[in-house]
């Protein structure tokens, strides 16, 4: 169970992060394309477009209608794994800490999204009760880290 001090820390982090990401999302320019099909508007996306929830699109399927978007900036502070999972999910609408695979794709498309530190980033994929997988954004390596380590965090969501 999280103690009072940890709860206050997460709430304060969340408030500051939400304000920061809201202002950054407002500065994106790319717009998806829309077409009519059977009286239903179809929205398609390309890499680098502004996603449906204001993130940057870093993966799209063959239809262009579905994919993954990432927040436009890292969380303000490095976080341990438990805090990273909590903070990444506070944006609602499906935002979460990326899986090991989603994070690998994000690393491969880091130049499309931008703003990454040459640091290690948490994934939501656990190895065991004490460690989780990370993605290095300096050399591209994936490894496991102790969950108490403080690393960078970037929330993602599927659309």
Protein backbone atom coordinates (compact mmCIF):
# COMPACT_ATOMS: atom_id res chain seq x y z
CA UNK A 1 0.00 0.00 0.00
CA UNK A 2 1.27 3.48 -0.84
CA UNK A 3 1.90 5.77 2.11
CA UNK A 4 0.63 9.32 2.43
CA UNK A 5 3.96 10.85 1.36
CA UNK A 6 4.12 8.74 -1.81
CA UNK A 7 0.49 9.57 -2.64
CA UNK A 8 1.12 13.31 -2.28
CA UNK A 9 4.26 13.02 -4.43
CA UNK A 10 2.37 11.24 -7.23
CA UNK A 11 -0.52 13.74 -7.08
CA UNK A 12 1.85 16.71 -7.28
CA UNK A 13 3.83 15.11 -10.11
CA UNK A 14 0.63 14.38 -11.97
CA UNK A 15 -0.68 17.93 -11.68
CA UNK A 16 2.57 19.43 -12.94
CA UNK A 17 2.95 16.88 -15.72
CA UNK A 18 -0.59 17.30 -16.98
CA UNK A 19 -0.13 21.07 -17.29
CA UNK A 20 3.21 20.63 -19.08
CA UNK A 21 1.87 18.08 -21.56
CA UNK A 22 -1.28 20.11 -22.25
CA UNK A 23 0.73 23.14 -23.33
CA UNK A 24 3.11 21.01 -25.42
CA UNK A 25 0.27 19.18 -27.19
CA UNK A 26 -1.22 22.52 -28.23
CA UNK A 27 1.97 23.31 -30.18
CA UNK A 28 1.75 20.37 -32.63
CA UNK A 29 0.85 21.13 -36.25
CA UNK A 30 0.34 17.93 -38.26
CA UNK A 31 -3.25 16.92 -38.94
CA UNK A 32 -4.50 13.51 -40.05
CA UNK A 33 -6.34 13.13 -43.35
CA UNK A 34 -10.07 12.43 -43.45
CA UNK A 35 -12.13 10.70 -46.15
CA UNK A 36 -15.74 9.54 -46.48
CA UNK A 37 -16.49 5.81 -46.69
CA UNK A 38 -20.07 4.49 -46.38
CA UNK A 39 -21.15 7.77 -44.75
CA UNK A 40 -18.57 7.36 -42.00
CA UNK A 41 -15.60 9.69 -41.82
CA UNK A 42 -12.35 7.73 -41.86
CA UNK A 43 -9.34 9.38 -40.25
CA UNK A 44 -5.92 8.14 -41.32
CA UNK A 45 -2.56 8.99 -39.79
CA UNK A 46 1.08 9.06 -40.84
CA UNK A 47 4.23 8.94 -38.76
CA UNK A 48 4.81 12.27 -37.03
CA UNK A 49 1.15 13.38 -37.21
CA UNK A 50 -0.63 14.72 -34.16
CA UNK A 51 -2.47 11.73 -32.71
CA UNK A 52 -6.11 11.65 -31.61
CA UNK A 53 -5.15 12.60 -28.03
CA UNK A 54 -2.44 15.15 -28.89
CA UNK A 55 0.62 12.87 -28.89
CA UNK A 56 2.97 12.21 -31.81
CA UNK A 57 2.13 9.20 -33.98
CA UNK A 58 5.08 6.82 -34.05
CA UNK A 59 3.46 3.69 -35.48
CA UNK A 60 0.52 3.14 -37.87
CA UNK A 61 -0.93 -0.06 -39.28
CA UNK A 62 -1.48 -0.62 -43.00
CA UNK A 63 -4.92 1.04 -42.90
CA UNK A 64 -3.48 4.22 -41.37
CA UNK A 65 -6.46 4.27 -39.00
CA UNK A 66 -4.83 2.58 -36.01
CA UNK A 67 -1.48 2.85 -34.35
CA UNK A 68 0.45 4.24 -31.40
CA UNK A 69 1.04 7.78 -30.21
CA UNK A 70 3.52 9.02 -27.60
CA UNK A 71 3.41 12.05 -25.34
CA UNK A 72 5.47 14.87 -26.83
CA UNK A 73 7.76 15.09 -23.79
CA UNK A 74 9.20 12.94 -21.03
CA UNK A 75 7.81 13.12 -17.53
CA UNK A 76 9.48 15.95 -15.61
CA UNK A 77 11.37 13.74 -13.16
CA UNK A 78 12.96 10.33 -13.40
CA UNK A 79 10.84 7.82 -11.51
CA UNK A 80 11.03 4.35 -10.02
CA UNK A 81 9.00 1.69 -11.84
CA UNK A 82 5.92 1.76 -9.59
CA UNK A 83 5.63 5.56 -9.82
CA UNK A 84 6.23 5.38 -13.59
CA UNK A 85 3.31 2.97 -14.06
CA UNK A 86 1.03 5.23 -11.99
CA UNK A 87 2.04 8.54 -13.56
CA UNK A 88 1.86 7.26 -17.16
CA UNK A 89 -1.74 6.14 -16.64
CA UNK A 90 -3.11 9.37 -15.10
CA UNK A 91 -3.77 10.96 -18.49
CA UNK A 92 -6.73 8.59 -18.99
CA UNK A 93 -8.02 7.61 -22.43
CA UNK A 94 -5.64 4.63 -22.58
CA UNK A 95 -2.33 6.36 -21.83
CA UNK A 96 0.09 3.91 -20.22
CA UNK A 97 3.71 2.98 -19.69
CA UNK A 98 4.73 1.31 -22.96
CA UNK A 99 5.31 -2.43 -23.17
CA UNK A 100 8.79 -3.66 -24.01
CA UNK A 101 7.74 -3.98 -27.68
CA UNK A 102 6.00 -0.58 -27.85
CA UNK A 103 9.10 1.01 -26.32
CA UNK A 104 11.41 -0.68 -28.85
CA UNK A 105 9.29 0.74 -31.70
CA UNK A 106 9.35 4.15 -30.00
CA UNK A 107 13.16 3.98 -29.83
CA UNK A 108 13.29 3.09 -33.54
CA UNK A 109 11.08 6.12 -34.32
CA UNK A 110 12.70 8.47 -31.77
CA UNK A 111 13.56 11.02 -34.45
CA UNK A 112 9.89 11.21 -35.52
CA UNK A 113 8.71 11.94 -31.97
CA UNK A 114 11.76 13.82 -30.65
CA UNK A 115 12.74 15.15 -27.25
CA UNK A 116 14.29 12.02 -25.80
CA UNK A 117 17.15 12.04 -23.32
CA UNK A 118 20.15 9.81 -23.93
CA UNK A 119 18.91 7.77 -21.02
CA UNK A 120 17.15 4.53 -20.11
CA UNK A 121 13.33 4.44 -20.21
CA UNK A 122 10.95 2.19 -18.27
CA UNK A 123 8.66 -0.30 -19.96
CA UNK A 124 5.63 -1.85 -18.28
CA UNK A 125 6.95 -5.36 -18.99
CA UNK A 126 8.04 -7.03 -15.77
CA UNK A 127 10.74 -9.67 -15.65
CA UNK A 128 9.98 -10.66 -12.05
CA UNK A 129 8.73 -9.03 -8.84
CA UNK A 130 11.92 -6.96 -8.49
CA UNK A 131 12.80 -5.97 -12.05
CA UNK A 132 11.30 -4.71 -15.32
CA UNK A 133 12.55 -4.25 -18.87
CA UNK A 134 14.03 -0.94 -20.01
CA UNK A 135 14.98 0.56 -23.35
CA UNK A 136 18.25 2.42 -23.70
CA UNK A 137 17.88 5.57 -25.83
CA UNK A 138 21.63 6.02 -26.18
CA UNK A 139 22.76 2.71 -27.70
CA UNK A 140 19.37 1.06 -28.27
CA UNK A 141 19.87 -1.79 -25.83
CA UNK A 142 17.11 -3.50 -23.87
CA UNK A 143 17.90 -4.83 -20.42
CA UNK A 144 16.33 -5.38 -17.03
CA UNK A 145 16.60 -2.94 -14.14
CA UNK A 146 15.70 -3.05 -10.49
CA UNK A 147 12.28 -1.42 -10.04
CA UNK A 148 13.66 0.96 -7.42
CA UNK A 149 16.00 2.62 -9.93
CA UNK A 150 14.91 6.04 -11.20
CA UNK A 151 14.67 6.22 -14.98
CA UNK A 152 13.03 8.34 -17.67
CA UNK A 153 9.36 7.85 -18.58
CA UNK A 154 7.32 8.53 -21.74
CA UNK A 155 3.62 7.61 -21.82
CA UNK A 156 2.04 6.08 -24.95
CA UNK A 157 -1.42 5.02 -26.10
CA UNK A 158 -2.97 2.92 -28.83
CA UNK A 159 -5.64 4.35 -31.15
